[in-house]
Amino acid sequence: MDVSASPDARMVGLRLWVTGLQYSSTATAWRI
């Protein structure tokens, strides 16, 4: 996952590796 835009300029260009996924029918967002 690459962050391409953010109000926090320090996050732009951040590369992240997926380590887990969460699923729930009562969640407010899909969390990774």
PDB file of all heavy atoms in Angstrom:
ATOM      1  N   MET A   1       0.859  -1.171   0.000  1.00  0.00           N
ATOM      2  CA  MET A   1       0.000   0.000   0.000  1.00  0.00           C
ATOM      3  C   MET A   1       0.900   1.227   0.000  1.00  0.00           C
ATOM      4  O   MET A   1       1.835   1.316   0.794  1.00  0.00           O
ATOM      5  CB  MET A   1      -0.874  -0.024   1.260  1.00  0.00           C
ATOM      6  CG  MET A   1      -1.917   1.038   1.338  1.00  0.00           C
ATOM      7  SD  MET A   1      -2.894   0.871   2.868  1.00  0.00           S
ATOM      8  CE  MET A   1      -3.712  -0.697   2.621  1.00  0.00           C
ATOM      9  N   ASP A   2       0.632   2.153  -0.898  1.00  0.00           N
ATOM     10  CA  ASP A   2       1.373   3.408  -0.961  1.00  0.00           C
ATOM     11  C   ASP A   2       0.426   4.560  -0.682  1.00  0.00           C
ATOM     12  O   ASP A   2      -0.677   4.610  -1.243  1.00  0.00           O
ATOM     13  CB  ASP A   2       2.013   3.604  -2.339  1.00  0.00           C
ATOM     14  CG  ASP A   2       3.139   2.623  -2.618  1.00  0.00           C
ATOM     15  OD1 ASP A   2       3.803   2.202  -1.654  1.00  0.00           O
ATOM     16  OD2 ASP A   2       3.359   2.296  -3.794  1.00  0.00           O
ATOM     17  N   VAL A   3       0.853   5.488   0.161  1.00  0.00           N
ATOM     18  CA  VAL A   3       0.076   6.698   0.440  1.00  0.00           C
ATOM     19  C   VAL A   3       0.503   7.742  -0.588  1.00  0.00           C
ATOM     20  O   VAL A   3       1.660   8.139  -0.635  1.00  0.00           O
ATOM     21  CB  VAL A   3       0.317   7.216   1.879  1.00  0.00           C
ATOM     22  CG1 VAL A   3      -0.454   8.496   2.126  1.00  0.00           C
ATOM     23  CG2 VAL A   3      -0.047   6.143   2.900  1.00  0.00           C
ATOM     24  N   SER A   4      -0.439   8.182  -1.428  1.00  0.00           N
ATOM     25  CA  SER A   4      -0.106   9.130  -2.493  1.00  0.00           C
ATOM     26  C   SER A   4      -0.528  10.550  -2.175  1.00  0.00           C
ATOM     27  O   SER A   4      -0.011  11.493  -2.777  1.00  0.00           O
ATOM     28  CB  SER A   4      -0.734   8.686  -3.815  1.00  0.00           C
ATOM     29  OG  SER A   4      -2.134   8.583  -3.683  1.00  0.00           O
ATOM     30  N   ALA A   5      -1.451  10.730  -1.226  1.00  0.00           N
ATOM     31  CA  ALA A   5      -1.881  12.077  -0.841  1.00  0.00           C
ATOM     32  C   ALA A   5      -2.366  12.053   0.602  1.00  0.00           C
ATOM     33  O   ALA A   5      -2.950  11.069   1.049  1.00  0.00           O
ATOM     34  CB  ALA A   5      -2.999  12.580  -1.747  1.00  0.00           C
ATOM     35  N   SER A   6      -2.093  13.150   1.317  1.00  0.00           N
ATOM     36  CA  SER A   6      -2.518  13.271   2.712  1.00  0.00           C
ATOM     37  C   SER A   6      -2.409  14.727   3.129  1.00  0.00           C
ATOM     38  O   SER A   6      -1.500  15.435   2.678  1.00  0.00           O
ATOM     39  CB  SER A   6      -1.619  12.418   3.610  1.00  0.00           C
ATOM     40  OG  SER A   6      -1.929  12.645   4.976  1.00  0.00           O
ATOM     41  N   PRO A   7      -3.305  15.183   4.016  1.00  0.00           N
ATOM     42  CA  PRO A   7      -3.132  16.518   4.580  1.00  0.00           C
ATOM     43  C   PRO A   7      -1.832  16.626   5.382  1.00  0.00           C
ATOM     44  O   PRO A   7      -1.299  17.712   5.559  1.00  0.00           O
ATOM     45  CB  PRO A   7      -4.341  16.692   5.494  1.00  0.00           C
ATOM     46  CG  PRO A   7      -5.354  15.725   4.988  1.00  0.00           C
ATOM     47  CD  PRO A   7      -4.563  14.570   4.436  1.00  0.00           C
ATOM     48  N   ASP A   8      -1.308  15.501   5.859  1.00  0.00           N
ATOM     49  CA  ASP A   8      -0.029  15.457   6.557  1.00  0.00           C
ATOM     50  C   ASP A   8       1.044  15.079   5.530  1.00  0.00           C
ATOM     51  O   ASP A   8       1.186  13.910   5.162  1.00  0.00           O
ATOM     52  CB  ASP A   8      -0.070  14.438   7.691  1.00  0.00           C
ATOM     53  CG  ASP A   8       1.200  14.390   8.515  1.00  0.00           C
ATOM     54  OD1 ASP A   8       2.231  14.956   8.073  1.00  0.00           O
ATOM     55  OD2 ASP A   8       1.180  13.781   9.591  1.00  0.00           O
ATOM     56  N   ALA A   9       1.784  16.064   5.038  1.00  0.00           N
ATOM     57  CA  ALA A   9       2.755  15.845   3.963  1.00  0.00           C
ATOM     58  C   ALA A   9       3.797  14.793   4.319  1.00  0.00           C
ATOM     59  O   ALA A   9       4.379  14.168   3.420  1.00  0.00           O
ATOM     60  CB  ALA A   9       3.446  17.163   3.605  1.00  0.00           C
ATOM     61  N   ARG A  10       4.042  14.539   5.605  1.00  0.00           N
ATOM     62  CA  ARG A  10       5.028  13.534   6.013  1.00  0.00           C
ATOM     63  C   ARG A  10       4.591  12.118   5.663  1.00  0.00           C
ATOM     64  O   ARG A  10       5.411  11.207   5.603  1.00  0.00           O
ATOM     65  CB  ARG A  10       5.296  13.638   7.514  1.00  0.00           C
ATOM     66  CG  ARG A  10       5.905  14.966   7.923  1.00  0.00           C
ATOM     67  CD  ARG A  10       5.867  15.138   9.394  1.00  0.00           C
ATOM     68  NE  ARG A  10       4.465  15.273   9.812  1.00  0.00           N
ATOM     69  CZ  ARG A  10       4.082  15.589  11.034  1.00  0.00           C
ATOM     70  NH1 ARG A  10       4.988  15.773  11.978  1.00  0.00           N
ATOM     71  NH2 ARG A  10       2.811  15.695  11.334  1.00  0.00           N
ATOM     72  N   MET A  11       3.295  11.922   5.417  1.00  0.00           N
ATOM     73  CA  MET A  11       2.795  10.586   5.099  1.00  0.00           C
ATOM     74  C   MET A  11       2.873  10.267   3.605  1.00  0.00           C
ATOM     75  O   MET A  11       2.841   9.099   3.224  1.00  0.00           O
ATOM     76  CB  MET A  11       1.354  10.443   5.583  1.00  0.00           C
ATOM     77  CG  MET A  11       1.237  10.455   7.093  1.00  0.00           C
ATOM     78  SD  MET A  11      -0.439  10.239   7.645  1.00  0.00           S
ATOM     79  CE  MET A  11      -0.701   8.538   7.228  1.00  0.00           C
ATOM     80  N   VAL A  12       2.967  11.294   2.771  1.00  0.00           N
ATOM     81  CA  VAL A  12       3.005  11.075   1.325  1.00  0.00           C
ATOM     82  C   VAL A  12       4.273  10.296   0.974  1.00  0.00           C
ATOM     83  O   VAL A  12       5.368  10.636   1.390  1.00  0.00           O
ATOM     84  CB  VAL A  12       2.943  12.416   0.568  1.00  0.00           C
ATOM     85  CG1 VAL A  12       3.089  12.191  -0.940  1.00  0.00           C
ATOM     86  CG2 VAL A  12       1.638  13.139   0.879  1.00  0.00           C
ATOM     87  N   GLY A  13       4.099   9.227   0.230  1.00  0.00           N
ATOM     88  CA  GLY A  13       5.210   8.366  -0.145  1.00  0.00           C
ATOM     89  C   GLY A  13       5.426   7.204   0.806  1.00  0.00           C
ATOM     90  O   GLY A  13       6.276   6.355   0.560  1.00  0.00           O
ATOM     91  N   LEU A  14       4.649   7.136   1.873  1.00  0.00           N
ATOM     92  CA  LEU A  14       4.775   6.050   2.838  1.00  0.00           C
ATOM     93  C   LEU A  14       4.396   4.729   2.182  1.00  0.00           C
ATOM     94  O   LEU A  14       3.346   4.620   1.553  1.00  0.00           O
ATOM     95  CB  LEU A  14       3.866   6.321   4.039  1.00  0.00           C
ATOM     96  CG  LEU A  14       3.939   5.382   5.232  1.00  0.00           C
ATOM     97  CD1 LEU A  14       5.322   5.433   5.875  1.00  0.00           C
ATOM     98  CD2 LEU A  14       2.874   5.774   6.253  1.00  0.00           C
ATOM     99  N   ARG A  15       5.249   3.728   2.281  1.00  0.00           N
ATOM    100  CA  ARG A  15       4.959   2.393   1.764  1.00  0.00           C
ATOM    101  C   ARG A  15       4.665   1.486   2.947  1.00  0.00           C
ATOM    102  O   ARG A  15       5.427   1.433   3.907  1.00  0.00           O
ATOM    103  CB  ARG A  15       6.129   1.847   0.965  1.00  0.00           C
ATOM    104  CG  ARG A  15       5.907   0.376   0.622  1.00  0.00           C
ATOM    105  CD  ARG A  15       6.664  -0.091  -0.548  1.00  0.00           C
ATOM    106  NE  ARG A  15       6.117   0.525  -1.758  1.00  0.00           N
ATOM    107  CZ  ARG A  15       6.719   0.476  -2.929  1.00  0.00           C
ATOM    108  NH1 ARG A  15       7.870  -0.125  -3.049  1.00  0.00           N
ATOM    109  NH2 ARG A  15       6.181   1.026  -3.994  1.00  0.00           N
ATOM    110  N   LEU A  16       3.549   0.762   2.862  1.00  0.00           N
ATOM    111  CA  LEU A  16       3.087  -0.096   3.942  1.00  0.00           C
ATOM    112  C   LEU A  16       2.855  -1.509   3.415  1.00  0.00           C
ATOM    113  O   LEU A  16       2.450  -1.687   2.278  1.00  0.00           O
ATOM    114  CB  LEU A  16       1.788   0.466   4.535  1.00  0.00           C
ATOM    115  CG  LEU A  16       1.877   1.907   5.039  1.00  0.00           C
ATOM    116  CD1 LEU A  16       0.487   2.481   5.256  1.00  0.00           C
ATOM    117  CD2 LEU A  16       2.704   1.975   6.300  1.00  0.00           C
ATOM    118  N   TRP A  17       3.089  -2.506   4.288  1.00  0.00           N
ATOM    119  CA  TRP A  17       2.894  -3.907   3.952  1.00  0.00           C
ATOM    120  C   TRP A  17       1.677  -4.425   4.711  1.00  0.00           C
ATOM    121  O   TRP A  17       1.573  -4.242   5.931  1.00  0.00           O
ATOM    122  CB  TRP A  17       4.116  -4.735   4.349  1.00  0.00           C
ATOM    123  CG  TRP A  17       5.242  -4.647   3.382  1.00  0.00           C
ATOM    124  CD1 TRP A  17       5.614  -5.599   2.474  1.00  0.00           C
ATOM    125  CD2 TRP A  17       6.179  -3.577   3.219  1.00  0.00           C
ATOM    126  NE1 TRP A  17       6.699  -5.175   1.766  1.00  0.00           N
ATOM    127  CE2 TRP A  17       7.068  -3.936   2.194  1.00  0.00           C
ATOM    128  CE3 TRP A  17       6.340  -2.326   3.826  1.00  0.00           C
ATOM    129  CZ2 TRP A  17       8.102  -3.110   1.778  1.00  0.00           C
ATOM    130  CZ3 TRP A  17       7.369  -1.506   3.398  1.00  0.00           C
ATOM    131  CH2 TRP A  17       8.237  -1.903   2.396  1.00  0.00           C
ATOM    132  N   VAL A  18       0.767  -5.097   4.019  1.00  0.00           N
ATOM    133  CA  VAL A  18      -0.431  -5.659   4.646  1.00  0.00           C
ATOM    134  C   VAL A  18      -0.031  -6.824   5.532  1.00  0.00           C
ATOM    135  O   VAL A  18       0.694  -7.722   5.107  1.00  0.00           O
ATOM    136  CB  VAL A  18      -1.451  -6.122   3.573  1.00  0.00           C
ATOM    137  CG1 VAL A  18      -2.633  -6.847   4.223  1.00  0.00           C
ATOM    138  CG2 VAL A  18      -1.933  -4.938   2.748  1.00  0.00           C
ATOM    139  N   THR A  19      -0.504  -6.771   6.805  1.00  0.00           N
ATOM    140  CA  THR A  19      -0.214  -7.851   7.750  1.00  0.00           C
ATOM    141  C   THR A  19      -1.477  -8.537   8.257  1.00  0.00           C
ATOM    142  O   THR A  19      -1.395  -9.585   8.889  1.00  0.00           O
ATOM    143  CB  THR A  19       0.583  -7.330   8.963  1.00  0.00           C
ATOM    144  OG1 THR A  19      -0.175  -6.295   9.608  1.00  0.00           O
ATOM    145  CG2 THR A  19       1.936  -6.793   8.523  1.00  0.00           C
ATOM    146  N   GLY A  20      -2.657  -7.949   8.017  1.00  0.00           N
ATOM    147  CA  GLY A  20      -3.900  -8.556   8.475  1.00  0.00           C
ATOM    148  C   GLY A  20      -5.117  -7.831   7.940  1.00  0.00           C
ATOM    149  O   GLY A  20      -5.049  -6.665   7.564  1.00  0.00           O
ATOM    150  N   LEU A  21      -6.241  -8.538   7.926  1.00  0.00           N
ATOM    151  CA  LEU A  21      -7.510  -7.991   7.436  1.00  0.00           C
ATOM    152  C   LEU A  21      -8.595  -8.237   8.463  1.00  0.00           C
ATOM    153  O   LEU A  21      -8.559  -9.239   9.178  1.00  0.00           O
ATOM    154  CB  LEU A  21      -7.898  -8.668   6.117  1.00  0.00           C
ATOM    155  CG  LEU A  21      -6.859  -8.553   5.011  1.00  0.00           C
ATOM    156  CD1 LEU A  21      -7.010  -9.685   4.022  1.00  0.00           C
ATOM    157  CD2 LEU A  21      -6.997  -7.220   4.330  1.00  0.00           C
ATOM    158  N   GLN A  22      -9.557  -7.340   8.525  1.00  0.00           N
ATOM    159  CA  GLN A  22     -10.674  -7.489   9.455  1.00  0.00           C
ATOM    160  C   GLN A  22     -11.975  -7.351   8.683  1.00  0.00           C
ATOM    161  O   GLN A  22     -12.108  -6.467   7.843  1.00  0.00           O
ATOM    162  CB  GLN A  22     -10.611  -6.429  10.546  1.00  0.00           C
ATOM    163  CG  GLN A  22      -9.345  -6.460  11.369  1.00  0.00           C
ATOM    164  CD  GLN A  22      -9.251  -5.280  12.307  1.00  0.00           C
ATOM    165  OE1 GLN A  22     -10.231  -4.631  12.618  1.00  0.00           O
ATOM    166  NE2 GLN A  22      -8.044  -4.980  12.766  1.00  0.00           N
ATOM    167  N   TYR A  23     -12.929  -8.213   8.991  1.00  0.00           N
ATOM    168  CA  TYR A  23     -14.249  -8.165   8.364  1.00  0.00           C
ATOM    169  C   TYR A  23     -15.299  -8.142   9.466  1.00  0.00           C
ATOM    170  O   TYR A  23     -15.146  -8.809  10.485  1.00  0.00           O
ATOM    171  CB  TYR A  23     -14.487  -9.393   7.482  1.00  0.00           C
ATOM    172  CG  TYR A  23     -13.429  -9.588   6.418  1.00  0.00           C
ATOM    173  CD1 TYR A  23     -12.431 -10.536   6.573  1.00  0.00           C
ATOM    174  CD2 TYR A  23     -13.433  -8.816   5.267  1.00  0.00           C
ATOM    175  CE1 TYR A  23     -11.461 -10.721   5.602  1.00  0.00           C
ATOM    176  CE2 TYR A  23     -12.463  -8.981   4.290  1.00  0.00           C
ATOM    177  CZ  TYR A  23     -11.489  -9.946   4.461  1.00  0.00           C
ATOM    178  OH  TYR A  23     -10.526 -10.112   3.502  1.00  0.00           O
ATOM    179  N   SER A  24     -16.371  -7.375   9.251  1.00  0.00           N
ATOM    180  CA  SER A  24     -17.464  -7.346  10.213  1.00  0.00           C
ATOM    181  C   SER A  24     -18.675  -6.684   9.579  1.00  0.00           C
ATOM    182  O   SER A  24     -18.554  -5.623   8.962  1.00  0.00           O
ATOM    183  CB  SER A  24     -17.064  -6.567  11.473  1.00  0.00           C
ATOM    184  OG  SER A  24     -18.175  -6.397  12.327  1.00  0.00           O
ATOM    185  N   SER A  25     -19.827  -7.281   9.764  1.00  0.00           N
ATOM    186  CA  SER A  25     -21.055  -6.695   9.210  1.00  0.00           C
ATOM    187  C   SER A  25     -21.510  -5.478  10.005  1.00  0.00           C
ATOM    188  O   SER A  25     -22.352  -4.721   9.541  1.00  0.00           O
ATOM    189  CB  SER A  25     -22.170  -7.740   9.176  1.00  0.00           C
ATOM    190  OG  SER A  25     -22.512  -8.130  10.494  1.00  0.00           O
ATOM    191  N   THR A  26     -20.950  -5.275  11.197  1.00  0.00           N
ATOM    192  CA  THR A  26     -21.341  -4.115  12.006  1.00  0.00           C
ATOM    193  C   THR A  26     -20.227  -3.080  12.120  1.00  0.00           C
ATOM    194  O   THR A  26     -20.291  -2.184  12.943  1.00  0.00           O
ATOM    195  CB  THR A  26     -21.774  -4.558  13.422  1.00  0.00           C
ATOM    196  OG1 THR A  26     -20.707  -5.285  14.020  1.00  0.00           O
ATOM    197  CG2 THR A  26     -23.028  -5.402  13.371  1.00  0.00           C
ATOM    198  N   ALA A  27     -19.211  -3.188  11.269  1.00  0.00           N
ATOM    199  CA  ALA A  27     -18.115  -2.220  11.282  1.00  0.00           C
ATOM    200  C   ALA A  27     -18.540  -0.949  10.550  1.00  0.00           C
ATOM    201  O   ALA A  27     -19.432  -0.962   9.709  1.00  0.00           O
ATOM    202  CB  ALA A  27     -16.883  -2.810  10.623  1.00  0.00           C
ATOM    203  N   THR A  28     -17.851   0.137  10.845  1.00  0.00           N
ATOM    204  CA  THR A  28     -18.114   1.395  10.149  1.00  0.00           C
ATOM    205  C   THR A  28     -17.142   1.621   9.000  1.00  0.00           C
ATOM    206  O   THR A  28     -17.332   2.526   8.195  1.00  0.00           O
ATOM    207  CB  THR A  28     -18.036   2.590  11.121  1.00  0.00           C
ATOM    208  OG1 THR A  28     -16.754   2.581  11.753  1.00  0.00           O
ATOM    209  CG2 THR A  28     -19.139   2.494  12.163  1.00  0.00           C
ATOM    210  N   ALA A  29     -16.070   0.807   8.920  1.00  0.00           N
ATOM    211  CA  ALA A  29     -15.094   0.888   7.844  1.00  0.00           C
ATOM    212  C   ALA A  29     -14.455  -0.484   7.686  1.00  0.00           C
ATOM    213  O   ALA A  29     -14.510  -1.323   8.585  1.00  0.00           O
ATOM    214  CB  ALA A  29     -14.024   1.928   8.165  1.00  0.00           C
ATOM    215  N   TRP A  30     -13.859  -0.704   6.542  1.00  0.00           N
ATOM    216  CA  TRP A  30     -13.119  -1.934   6.293  1.00  0.00           C
ATOM    217  C   TRP A  30     -11.696  -1.685   6.743  1.00  0.00           C
ATOM    218  O   TRP A  30     -10.996  -0.846   6.195  1.00  0.00           O
ATOM    219  CB  TRP A  30     -13.179  -2.273   4.819  1.00  0.00           C
ATOM    220  CG  TRP A  30     -12.516  -3.552   4.439  1.00  0.00           C
ATOM    221  CD1 TRP A  30     -12.116  -4.561   5.281  1.00  0.00           C
ATOM    222  CD2 TRP A  30     -12.173  -3.971   3.127  1.00  0.00           C
ATOM    223  NE1 TRP A  30     -11.552  -5.588   4.567  1.00  0.00           N
ATOM    224  CE2 TRP A  30     -11.569  -5.249   3.229  1.00  0.00           C
ATOM    225  CE3 TRP A  30     -12.312  -3.409   1.871  1.00  0.00           C
ATOM    226  CZ2 TRP A  30     -11.110  -5.951   2.125  1.00  0.00           C
ATOM    227  CZ3 TRP A  30     -11.853  -4.118   0.776  1.00  0.00           C
ATOM    228  CH2 TRP A  30     -11.266  -5.373   0.904  1.00  0.00           C
ATOM    229  N   ARG A  31     -11.243  -2.385   7.768  1.00  0.00           N
ATOM    230  CA  ARG A  31      -9.940  -2.118   8.368  1.00  0.00           C
ATOM    231  C   ARG A  31      -8.904  -3.159   7.952  1.00  0.00           C
ATOM    232  O   ARG A  31      -9.178  -4.357   7.947  1.00  0.00           O
ATOM    233  CB  ARG A  31     -10.065  -2.042   9.875  1.00  0.00           C
ATOM    234  CG  ARG A  31     -10.860  -0.792  10.271  1.00  0.00           C
ATOM    235  CD  ARG A  31     -11.016  -0.609  11.763  1.00  0.00           C
ATOM    236  NE  ARG A  31     -11.727   0.609  12.045  1.00  0.00           N
ATOM    237  CZ  ARG A  31     -13.057   0.737  12.044  1.00  0.00           C
ATOM    238  NH1 ARG A  31     -13.809  -0.306  11.764  1.00  0.00           N
ATOM    239  NH2 ARG A  31     -13.619   1.895  12.309  1.00  0.00           N
ATOM    240  N   ILE A  32      -7.737  -2.646   7.614  1.00  0.00           N
ATOM    241  CA  ILE A  32      -6.616  -3.473   7.189  1.00  0.00           C
ATOM    242  C   ILE A  32      -5.425  -3.100   8.066  1.00  0.00           C
ATOM    243  O   ILE A  32      -5.113  -1.923   8.231  1.00  0.00           O
ATOM    244  CB  ILE A  32      -6.287  -3.233   5.706  1.00  0.00           C
ATOM    245  CG1 ILE A  32      -7.509  -3.593   4.836  1.00  0.00           C
ATOM    246  CG2 ILE A  32      -5.068  -4.036   5.280  1.00  0.00           C
ATOM    247  CD1 ILE A  32      -7.345  -3.227   3.365  1.00  0.00           C
TER     248      ILE A  32
END
